[in-house]
């Protein structure tokens, strides 16, 4: 399968899913590069900030907000473009500006779009260390937590643990 740059609509679906996460904003950790410069520097007007992680002083925590959506979208597009450029030695730079997607997408559609994005953006040798990779991991976890039945499903499963269907049959009002 050939690599391609996903559309702005595709990125908007990912960002909209991240903005819609219930209960708390989407956050992800990114390793601080040796030179201390982050992929997206906080500047006046781009809405981007990066705080130190309480768990690890060598990482930064980034949060998706309505103010940072353009900058985060550009970061995702830049990573996808770098991946395609590495594969095809192309140098096609594009600009990203967030526009809400045409339609709301289900968690399953978002997860499929996320897998497509990862495939298209993951050709660079440093993929697993990129901010885009960490964003994708955080979004995946958050979207999985939104799947119907996730909260009710057992955390740990033993031989006697009832299935979700069995739990629902026993307590139909839930």
N, C-alpha and C. Protein backbone atom coordinates (compact mmCIF):
# COMPACT_ATOMS: atom_id res chain seq x y z
N UNK A 1 0.85 -1.18 0.00
CA UNK A 1 0.00 0.00 0.00
C UNK A 1 0.89 1.24 0.00
N UNK A 2 0.54 2.21 -0.77
CA UNK A 2 1.36 3.41 -0.84
C UNK A 2 1.00 4.38 0.29
N UNK A 3 1.97 5.17 0.65
CA UNK A 3 1.77 6.17 1.70
C UNK A 3 1.20 7.44 1.06
N UNK A 4 0.37 8.13 1.82
CA UNK A 4 -0.20 9.39 1.35
C UNK A 4 -0.40 10.32 2.52
N UNK A 5 -0.59 11.58 2.22
CA UNK A 5 -0.88 12.57 3.24
C UNK A 5 -2.38 12.61 3.44
N UNK A 6 -2.82 12.39 4.68
CA UNK A 6 -4.25 12.41 4.95
C UNK A 6 -4.80 13.82 4.74
N UNK A 7 -6.09 13.92 4.58
CA UNK A 7 -6.73 15.21 4.34
C UNK A 7 -6.87 16.01 5.63
N UNK A 8 -7.11 17.30 5.47
CA UNK A 8 -7.38 18.14 6.64
C UNK A 8 -8.63 17.64 7.37
N UNK A 9 -9.60 17.12 6.62
CA UNK A 9 -10.82 16.56 7.24
C UNK A 9 -10.46 15.39 8.15
N UNK A 10 -9.56 14.55 7.71
CA UNK A 10 -9.12 13.39 8.49
C UNK A 10 -8.51 13.86 9.82
N UNK A 11 -7.63 14.83 9.74
CA UNK A 11 -7.01 15.37 10.96
C UNK A 11 -8.05 16.05 11.84
N UNK A 12 -9.00 16.75 11.22
CA UNK A 12 -10.06 17.41 11.99
C UNK A 12 -10.90 16.39 12.77
N UNK A 13 -11.13 15.22 12.18
CA UNK A 13 -11.87 14.17 12.89
C UNK A 13 -11.11 13.74 14.14
N UNK A 14 -9.79 13.55 14.01
CA UNK A 14 -8.98 13.16 15.17
C UNK A 14 -9.00 14.25 16.24
N UNK A 15 -8.82 15.49 15.82
CA UNK A 15 -8.80 16.60 16.78
C UNK A 15 -10.15 16.78 17.46
N UNK A 16 -11.21 16.67 16.69
CA UNK A 16 -12.56 16.83 17.26
C UNK A 16 -12.83 15.73 18.29
N UNK A 17 -12.40 14.52 17.99
CA UNK A 17 -12.55 13.42 18.96
C UNK A 17 -11.78 13.74 20.23
N UNK A 18 -10.58 14.28 20.09
CA UNK A 18 -9.78 14.65 21.26
C UNK A 18 -10.41 15.77 22.06
N UNK A 19 -11.02 16.73 21.38
CA UNK A 19 -11.67 17.84 22.07
C UNK A 19 -12.95 17.39 22.78
N UNK A 20 -13.55 16.30 22.31
CA UNK A 20 -14.83 15.85 22.85
C UNK A 20 -14.71 14.83 23.97
N UNK A 21 -13.50 14.52 24.39
CA UNK A 21 -13.32 13.53 25.45
C UNK A 21 -14.01 14.03 26.72
N UNK A 22 -14.81 13.16 27.30
CA UNK A 22 -15.58 13.53 28.49
C UNK A 22 -14.69 13.59 29.73
N UNK A 23 -15.06 14.45 30.64
CA UNK A 23 -14.50 14.54 31.98
C UNK A 23 -13.15 15.26 32.10
N UNK A 24 -12.30 15.22 31.09
CA UNK A 24 -11.02 15.90 31.22
C UNK A 24 -10.43 16.12 29.83
N UNK A 25 -9.58 17.13 29.70
CA UNK A 25 -8.98 17.38 28.39
C UNK A 25 -7.98 16.29 28.02
N UNK A 26 -7.78 16.10 26.72
CA UNK A 26 -6.81 15.12 26.23
C UNK A 26 -5.41 15.64 26.51
N UNK A 27 -4.61 14.81 27.20
CA UNK A 27 -3.23 15.16 27.53
C UNK A 27 -2.31 14.02 27.10
N UNK A 28 -1.10 14.37 26.75
CA UNK A 28 -0.11 13.35 26.41
C UNK A 28 1.25 13.84 26.82
N UNK A 29 2.13 12.89 27.09
CA UNK A 29 3.50 13.23 27.46
C UNK A 29 4.39 13.09 26.24
N UNK A 30 5.36 13.97 26.17
CA UNK A 30 6.35 13.91 25.09
C UNK A 30 7.74 14.01 25.69
N UNK A 31 8.65 13.18 25.22
CA UNK A 31 10.03 13.28 25.73
C UNK A 31 10.63 14.61 25.33
N UNK A 32 11.34 15.23 26.24
CA UNK A 32 12.03 16.48 25.92
C UNK A 32 13.29 16.14 25.13
N UNK A 33 13.47 16.74 23.97
CA UNK A 33 14.68 16.48 23.18
C UNK A 33 15.93 16.96 23.91
N UNK A 34 17.06 16.44 23.50
CA UNK A 34 18.33 16.79 24.14
C UNK A 34 18.58 18.30 24.12
N UNK A 35 18.17 18.95 23.04
CA UNK A 35 18.40 20.40 22.95
C UNK A 35 17.34 21.21 23.70
N UNK A 36 16.33 20.51 24.28
CA UNK A 36 15.31 21.19 25.06
C UNK A 36 14.19 21.82 24.25
N UNK A 37 14.32 21.80 22.92
CA UNK A 37 13.30 22.40 22.06
C UNK A 37 12.21 21.39 21.76
N UNK A 38 10.99 21.80 21.88
CA UNK A 38 9.85 20.93 21.62
C UNK A 38 9.42 21.06 20.16
N UNK A 39 8.73 20.04 19.61
CA UNK A 39 8.28 20.12 18.23
C UNK A 39 7.40 21.34 17.95
N UNK A 40 6.57 21.69 18.90
CA UNK A 40 5.76 22.89 18.79
C UNK A 40 6.13 23.76 19.97
N UNK A 41 6.78 24.86 19.69
CA UNK A 41 7.14 25.77 20.77
C UNK A 41 5.94 26.62 21.14
N UNK A 42 5.79 26.89 22.41
CA UNK A 42 4.72 27.76 22.86
C UNK A 42 5.06 29.19 22.44
N UNK A 43 4.16 29.76 21.68
CA UNK A 43 4.33 31.15 21.26
C UNK A 43 3.05 31.89 21.53
N UNK A 44 3.14 33.19 21.59
CA UNK A 44 1.95 33.99 21.80
C UNK A 44 0.99 33.75 20.66
N UNK A 45 -0.22 33.36 20.99
CA UNK A 45 -1.26 33.21 19.98
C UNK A 45 -1.49 31.79 19.48
N UNK A 46 -0.55 30.84 19.69
CA UNK A 46 -0.82 29.51 19.16
C UNK A 46 -1.53 28.61 20.16
N UNK A 47 -1.71 29.07 21.40
CA UNK A 47 -2.46 28.31 22.39
C UNK A 47 -1.76 27.09 22.93
N UNK A 48 -0.50 26.91 22.58
CA UNK A 48 0.23 25.72 22.98
C UNK A 48 1.01 25.99 24.26
N UNK A 49 0.92 25.03 25.16
CA UNK A 49 1.75 25.09 26.36
C UNK A 49 2.26 23.69 26.63
N UNK A 50 3.32 23.59 27.36
CA UNK A 50 3.87 22.29 27.72
C UNK A 50 4.42 22.39 29.12
N UNK A 51 3.75 21.72 30.04
CA UNK A 51 4.21 21.71 31.42
C UNK A 51 5.09 20.51 31.67
N UNK A 52 5.86 20.56 32.74
CA UNK A 52 6.70 19.42 33.12
C UNK A 52 5.80 18.33 33.66
N UNK A 53 6.11 17.10 33.32
CA UNK A 53 5.37 15.96 33.83
C UNK A 53 5.71 15.74 35.29
N UNK A 54 4.70 15.51 36.14
CA UNK A 54 5.01 15.26 37.55
C UNK A 54 5.71 13.91 37.75
N UNK A 55 5.54 12.99 36.79
CA UNK A 55 6.13 11.66 36.92
C UNK A 55 7.57 11.57 36.42
N UNK A 56 7.94 12.45 35.50
CA UNK A 56 9.26 12.38 34.90
C UNK A 56 9.72 13.77 34.50
N UNK A 57 10.77 14.29 35.10
CA UNK A 57 11.23 15.65 34.77
C UNK A 57 11.77 15.78 33.34
N UNK A 58 12.04 14.65 32.66
CA UNK A 58 12.55 14.72 31.29
C UNK A 58 11.46 14.68 30.25
N UNK A 59 10.20 14.72 30.66
CA UNK A 59 9.11 14.76 29.70
C UNK A 59 8.27 16.01 29.92
N UNK A 60 7.52 16.34 28.91
CA UNK A 60 6.61 17.48 28.98
C UNK A 60 5.20 16.95 28.76
N UNK A 61 4.23 17.63 29.34
CA UNK A 61 2.83 17.27 29.15
C UNK A 61 2.17 18.32 28.26
N UNK A 62 1.50 17.86 27.23
CA UNK A 62 0.80 18.75 26.31
C UNK A 62 -0.70 18.50 26.45
N UNK A 63 -1.51 19.52 26.26
CA UNK A 63 -2.96 19.42 26.36
C UNK A 63 -3.59 19.96 25.08
N UNK A 64 -4.57 19.20 24.55
CA UNK A 64 -5.33 19.68 23.39
C UNK A 64 -6.44 20.59 23.89
N UNK A 65 -6.45 21.80 23.36
CA UNK A 65 -7.49 22.77 23.71
C UNK A 65 -7.99 23.42 22.42
N UNK A 66 -9.07 24.13 22.53
CA UNK A 66 -9.58 24.85 21.35
C UNK A 66 -8.54 25.89 20.89
N UNK A 67 -7.78 26.42 21.81
CA UNK A 67 -6.76 27.42 21.44
C UNK A 67 -5.57 26.78 20.73
N UNK A 68 -5.27 25.52 21.04
CA UNK A 68 -4.08 24.88 20.45
C UNK A 68 -4.39 23.98 19.25
N UNK A 69 -5.65 23.88 18.88
CA UNK A 69 -6.05 22.91 17.86
C UNK A 69 -5.35 23.13 16.51
N UNK A 70 -5.13 24.37 16.09
CA UNK A 70 -4.43 24.61 14.83
C UNK A 70 -2.98 24.14 14.90
N UNK A 71 -2.31 24.45 15.99
CA UNK A 71 -0.89 24.07 16.13
C UNK A 71 -0.75 22.55 16.24
N UNK A 72 -1.62 21.89 16.97
CA UNK A 72 -1.57 20.43 17.09
C UNK A 72 -1.90 19.79 15.74
N UNK A 73 -2.88 20.32 15.05
CA UNK A 73 -3.20 19.83 13.71
C UNK A 73 -2.03 19.98 12.76
N UNK A 74 -1.33 21.11 12.84
CA UNK A 74 -0.15 21.32 11.99
C UNK A 74 0.94 20.31 12.33
N UNK A 75 1.11 20.03 13.62
CA UNK A 75 2.11 19.05 14.04
C UNK A 75 1.78 17.67 13.45
N UNK A 76 0.50 17.29 13.49
CA UNK A 76 0.08 16.00 12.92
C UNK A 76 0.32 15.97 11.42
N UNK A 77 -0.04 17.04 10.74
CA UNK A 77 0.16 17.11 9.29
C UNK A 77 1.65 17.10 8.96
N UNK A 78 2.47 17.82 9.72
CA UNK A 78 3.91 17.84 9.48
C UNK A 78 4.53 16.45 9.61
N UNK A 79 4.09 15.69 10.62
CA UNK A 79 4.62 14.33 10.80
C UNK A 79 4.21 13.44 9.63
N UNK A 80 2.96 13.54 9.21
CA UNK A 80 2.48 12.75 8.08
C UNK A 80 3.26 13.13 6.81
N UNK A 81 3.47 14.41 6.61
CA UNK A 81 4.22 14.89 5.44
C UNK A 81 5.67 14.39 5.49
N UNK A 82 6.29 14.44 6.67
CA UNK A 82 7.67 13.94 6.81
C UNK A 82 7.74 12.45 6.49
N UNK A 83 6.74 11.71 6.87
CA UNK A 83 6.69 10.27 6.59
C UNK A 83 6.60 10.01 5.09
N UNK A 84 5.72 10.72 4.43
CA UNK A 84 5.57 10.56 2.97
C UNK A 84 6.84 11.03 2.27
N UNK A 85 7.40 12.15 2.74
CA UNK A 85 8.63 12.66 2.13
C UNK A 85 9.79 11.68 2.29
N UNK A 86 9.87 11.03 3.43
CA UNK A 86 10.95 10.06 3.63
C UNK A 86 10.80 8.87 2.69
N UNK A 87 9.58 8.46 2.47
CA UNK A 87 9.33 7.30 1.61
C UNK A 87 9.54 7.63 0.13
N UNK A 88 9.10 8.80 -0.29
CA UNK A 88 9.11 9.15 -1.71
C UNK A 88 10.06 10.29 -2.06
N UNK A 89 10.84 10.77 -1.13
CA UNK A 89 11.76 11.89 -1.35
C UNK A 89 11.04 13.08 -1.96
N UNK A 90 9.88 13.33 -1.44
CA UNK A 90 9.07 14.46 -1.89
C UNK A 90 9.24 15.57 -0.86
N UNK A 91 8.89 16.77 -1.18
CA UNK A 91 9.05 17.86 -0.23
C UNK A 91 7.84 18.78 -0.28
N UNK A 92 6.68 18.20 -0.13
CA UNK A 92 5.43 18.93 -0.27
C UNK A 92 4.91 19.37 1.09
N UNK A 93 5.17 20.62 1.46
CA UNK A 93 4.73 21.15 2.75
C UNK A 93 3.34 21.76 2.60
N UNK A 94 2.50 21.52 3.61
CA UNK A 94 1.13 22.04 3.59
C UNK A 94 0.86 22.75 4.90
N UNK A 95 -0.12 23.63 4.89
CA UNK A 95 -0.54 24.32 6.10
C UNK A 95 -1.86 23.75 6.59
N UNK A 96 -2.02 23.73 7.90
CA UNK A 96 -3.24 23.20 8.49
C UNK A 96 -3.95 24.28 9.28
N UNK A 97 -5.24 24.40 9.05
CA UNK A 97 -6.12 25.25 9.85
C UNK A 97 -7.34 24.42 10.18
N UNK A 98 -7.67 24.34 11.45
CA UNK A 98 -8.79 23.52 11.90
C UNK A 98 -10.11 24.05 11.41
N UNK A 99 -10.88 23.18 10.82
CA UNK A 99 -12.28 23.41 10.48
C UNK A 99 -13.03 22.21 11.01
N UNK A 100 -14.10 22.40 11.77
CA UNK A 100 -14.82 21.24 12.29
C UNK A 100 -15.21 20.29 11.15
N UNK A 101 -15.14 18.99 11.40
CA UNK A 101 -15.45 18.04 10.34
C UNK A 101 -16.91 18.12 9.91
N UNK A 102 -17.18 17.61 8.73
CA UNK A 102 -18.51 17.64 8.13
C UNK A 102 -19.53 16.91 9.00
N UNK A 103 -19.10 15.83 9.66
CA UNK A 103 -20.03 15.01 10.44
C UNK A 103 -19.34 14.46 11.68
N UNK A 104 -20.14 14.16 12.69
CA UNK A 104 -19.64 13.53 13.90
C UNK A 104 -19.31 12.08 13.57
N UNK A 105 -18.22 11.56 14.09
CA UNK A 105 -17.81 10.17 13.84
C UNK A 105 -17.90 9.37 15.13
N UNK A 106 -18.25 8.10 14.99
CA UNK A 106 -18.36 7.20 16.13
C UNK A 106 -16.96 6.85 16.64
N UNK A 107 -16.86 6.32 17.86
CA UNK A 107 -15.55 5.90 18.35
C UNK A 107 -14.87 4.88 17.43
N UNK A 108 -15.62 3.97 16.84
CA UNK A 108 -15.02 2.99 15.93
C UNK A 108 -14.45 3.69 14.70
N UNK A 109 -15.16 4.66 14.15
CA UNK A 109 -14.65 5.41 13.00
C UNK A 109 -13.38 6.19 13.37
N UNK A 110 -13.38 6.76 14.56
CA UNK A 110 -12.20 7.52 15.01
C UNK A 110 -11.00 6.57 15.16
N UNK A 111 -11.22 5.40 15.75
CA UNK A 111 -10.12 4.44 15.91
C UNK A 111 -9.59 3.99 14.56
N UNK A 112 -10.45 3.78 13.59
CA UNK A 112 -10.00 3.38 12.25
C UNK A 112 -9.22 4.53 11.60
N UNK A 113 -9.71 5.75 11.75
CA UNK A 113 -9.00 6.92 11.21
C UNK A 113 -7.64 7.08 11.89
N UNK A 114 -7.59 6.81 13.17
CA UNK A 114 -6.33 6.89 13.91
C UNK A 114 -5.34 5.85 13.40
N UNK A 115 -5.80 4.63 13.15
CA UNK A 115 -4.92 3.60 12.60
C UNK A 115 -4.42 3.98 11.21
N UNK A 116 -5.28 4.56 10.39
CA UNK A 116 -4.86 5.04 9.07
C UNK A 116 -3.79 6.11 9.22
N UNK A 117 -4.03 7.07 10.11
CA UNK A 117 -3.05 8.14 10.31
C UNK A 117 -1.71 7.56 10.74
N UNK A 118 -1.72 6.65 11.70
CA UNK A 118 -0.47 6.04 12.17
C UNK A 118 0.28 5.36 11.03
N UNK A 119 -0.44 4.68 10.20
CA UNK A 119 0.19 3.98 9.07
C UNK A 119 0.84 5.00 8.12
N UNK A 120 0.16 6.09 7.87
CA UNK A 120 0.66 7.09 6.94
C UNK A 120 1.78 7.94 7.54
N UNK A 121 1.76 8.13 8.84
CA UNK A 121 2.73 9.02 9.49
C UNK A 121 3.91 8.29 10.11
N UNK A 122 3.89 6.98 10.11
CA UNK A 122 4.88 6.22 10.86
C UNK A 122 6.11 5.78 10.10
N UNK A 123 6.39 6.34 8.94
CA UNK A 123 7.54 5.93 8.13
C UNK A 123 8.86 6.55 8.56
N UNK A 124 8.82 7.54 9.42
CA UNK A 124 10.08 8.17 9.84
C UNK A 124 10.77 7.29 10.87
N UNK A 125 12.09 7.32 10.88
CA UNK A 125 12.85 6.47 11.80
C UNK A 125 12.63 6.82 13.26
N UNK A 126 12.19 8.05 13.52
CA UNK A 126 11.98 8.49 14.90
C UNK A 126 10.51 8.47 15.32
N UNK A 127 9.66 7.80 14.55
CA UNK A 127 8.21 7.82 14.77
C UNK A 127 7.82 7.63 16.23
N UNK A 128 8.35 6.62 16.91
CA UNK A 128 7.91 6.33 18.27
C UNK A 128 8.31 7.42 19.27
N UNK A 129 9.22 8.28 18.90
CA UNK A 129 9.60 9.39 19.77
C UNK A 129 8.94 10.70 19.42
N UNK A 130 8.11 10.70 18.37
CA UNK A 130 7.50 11.96 17.93
C UNK A 130 6.30 12.33 18.79
N UNK A 131 6.01 13.60 18.80
CA UNK A 131 4.82 14.06 19.52
C UNK A 131 3.56 13.50 18.88
N UNK A 132 3.55 13.35 17.57
CA UNK A 132 2.38 12.78 16.89
C UNK A 132 2.09 11.37 17.39
N UNK A 133 3.14 10.56 17.58
CA UNK A 133 2.97 9.20 18.10
C UNK A 133 2.34 9.23 19.49
N UNK A 134 2.82 10.11 20.34
CA UNK A 134 2.29 10.21 21.71
C UNK A 134 0.87 10.75 21.73
N UNK A 135 0.56 11.68 20.84
CA UNK A 135 -0.81 12.17 20.70
C UNK A 135 -1.73 11.00 20.32
N UNK A 136 -1.31 10.21 19.33
CA UNK A 136 -2.13 9.08 18.87
C UNK A 136 -2.39 8.08 19.99
N UNK A 137 -1.37 7.79 20.77
CA UNK A 137 -1.53 6.84 21.87
C UNK A 137 -2.54 7.37 22.90
N UNK A 138 -2.46 8.65 23.22
CA UNK A 138 -3.38 9.24 24.20
C UNK A 138 -4.80 9.27 23.65
N UNK A 139 -4.94 9.62 22.37
CA UNK A 139 -6.27 9.66 21.77
C UNK A 139 -6.87 8.26 21.71
N UNK A 140 -6.07 7.28 21.34
CA UNK A 140 -6.57 5.91 21.28
C UNK A 140 -7.11 5.46 22.64
N UNK A 141 -6.35 5.68 23.68
CA UNK A 141 -6.79 5.30 25.02
C UNK A 141 -8.08 6.01 25.40
N UNK A 142 -8.15 7.30 25.12
CA UNK A 142 -9.35 8.08 25.47
C UNK A 142 -10.57 7.61 24.69
N UNK A 143 -10.41 7.32 23.40
CA UNK A 143 -11.54 6.88 22.59
C UNK A 143 -11.99 5.48 23.01
N UNK A 144 -11.06 4.59 23.29
CA UNK A 144 -11.43 3.26 23.77
C UNK A 144 -12.26 3.37 25.05
N UNK A 145 -11.89 4.28 25.93
CA UNK A 145 -12.64 4.49 27.17
C UNK A 145 -14.05 5.00 26.92
N UNK A 146 -14.32 5.54 25.73
CA UNK A 146 -15.64 6.05 25.39
C UNK A 146 -16.54 4.99 24.74
N UNK A 147 -15.98 3.82 24.42
CA UNK A 147 -16.77 2.78 23.76
C UNK A 147 -17.90 2.31 24.67
N UNK A 148 -19.08 2.08 24.10
CA UNK A 148 -20.19 1.58 24.91
C UNK A 148 -19.82 0.29 25.63
N UNK A 149 -20.09 0.24 26.91
CA UNK A 149 -19.82 -0.94 27.71
C UNK A 149 -18.45 -0.97 28.35
N UNK A 150 -17.57 -0.05 27.97
CA UNK A 150 -16.21 -0.08 28.50
C UNK A 150 -16.21 0.06 30.03
N UNK A 151 -16.97 1.02 30.55
CA UNK A 151 -16.98 1.24 32.00
C UNK A 151 -17.55 0.04 32.76
N UNK A 152 -18.51 -0.65 32.17
CA UNK A 152 -19.15 -1.77 32.84
C UNK A 152 -18.34 -3.07 32.74
N UNK A 153 -17.48 -3.18 31.76
CA UNK A 153 -16.71 -4.41 31.55
C UNK A 153 -15.75 -4.64 32.72
N UNK A 154 -15.47 -5.92 32.98
CA UNK A 154 -14.56 -6.28 34.07
C UNK A 154 -13.15 -5.82 33.76
N UNK A 155 -12.46 -5.35 34.76
CA UNK A 155 -11.06 -4.93 34.61
C UNK A 155 -10.15 -6.15 34.52
N UNK A 156 -10.32 -7.06 35.46
CA UNK A 156 -9.55 -8.30 35.47
C UNK A 156 -10.54 -9.45 35.34
N UNK A 157 -10.17 -10.47 34.59
CA UNK A 157 -11.09 -11.56 34.30
C UNK A 157 -10.54 -12.87 34.84
N UNK A 158 -11.37 -13.51 35.65
CA UNK A 158 -11.09 -14.84 36.16
C UNK A 158 -12.10 -15.81 35.59
N UNK A 159 -11.97 -17.06 35.92
CA UNK A 159 -12.84 -18.10 35.39
C UNK A 159 -14.31 -17.82 35.69
N UNK A 160 -14.60 -17.24 36.85
CA UNK A 160 -15.98 -17.01 37.27
C UNK A 160 -16.49 -15.60 36.96
N UNK A 161 -15.68 -14.77 36.36
CA UNK A 161 -16.08 -13.40 36.06
C UNK A 161 -17.19 -13.41 35.01
N UNK A 162 -18.33 -12.78 35.31
CA UNK A 162 -19.41 -12.76 34.32
C UNK A 162 -19.03 -11.90 33.11
N UNK A 163 -19.54 -12.27 31.95
CA UNK A 163 -19.34 -11.47 30.75
C UNK A 163 -20.18 -10.20 30.85
N UNK A 164 -19.92 -9.25 30.01
CA UNK A 164 -20.72 -8.03 29.98
C UNK A 164 -22.17 -8.36 29.66
N UNK A 165 -22.40 -9.29 28.73
CA UNK A 165 -23.76 -9.70 28.38
C UNK A 165 -24.46 -10.34 29.58
N UNK A 166 -23.74 -11.15 30.33
CA UNK A 166 -24.32 -11.77 31.54
C UNK A 166 -24.65 -10.71 32.58
N UNK A 167 -23.77 -9.73 32.75
CA UNK A 167 -24.03 -8.66 33.71
C UNK A 167 -25.29 -7.89 33.31
N UNK A 168 -25.42 -7.59 32.03
CA UNK A 168 -26.58 -6.83 31.54
C UNK A 168 -27.86 -7.63 31.68
N UNK A 169 -27.81 -8.95 31.46
CA UNK A 169 -28.99 -9.79 31.61
C UNK A 169 -29.44 -9.84 33.08
N UNK A 170 -28.47 -9.84 33.98
CA UNK A 170 -28.76 -9.89 35.41
C UNK A 170 -29.28 -8.55 35.93
N UNK A 171 -28.81 -7.45 35.35
CA UNK A 171 -29.21 -6.10 35.76
C UNK A 171 -29.62 -5.30 34.52
N UNK A 172 -30.82 -5.55 33.97
CA UNK A 172 -31.20 -4.91 32.70
C UNK A 172 -31.37 -3.39 32.76
N UNK A 173 -31.50 -2.79 33.95
CA UNK A 173 -31.68 -1.34 34.06
C UNK A 173 -30.38 -0.58 33.84
N UNK A 174 -29.25 -1.21 33.88
CA UNK A 174 -27.97 -0.50 33.76
C UNK A 174 -27.74 0.01 32.38
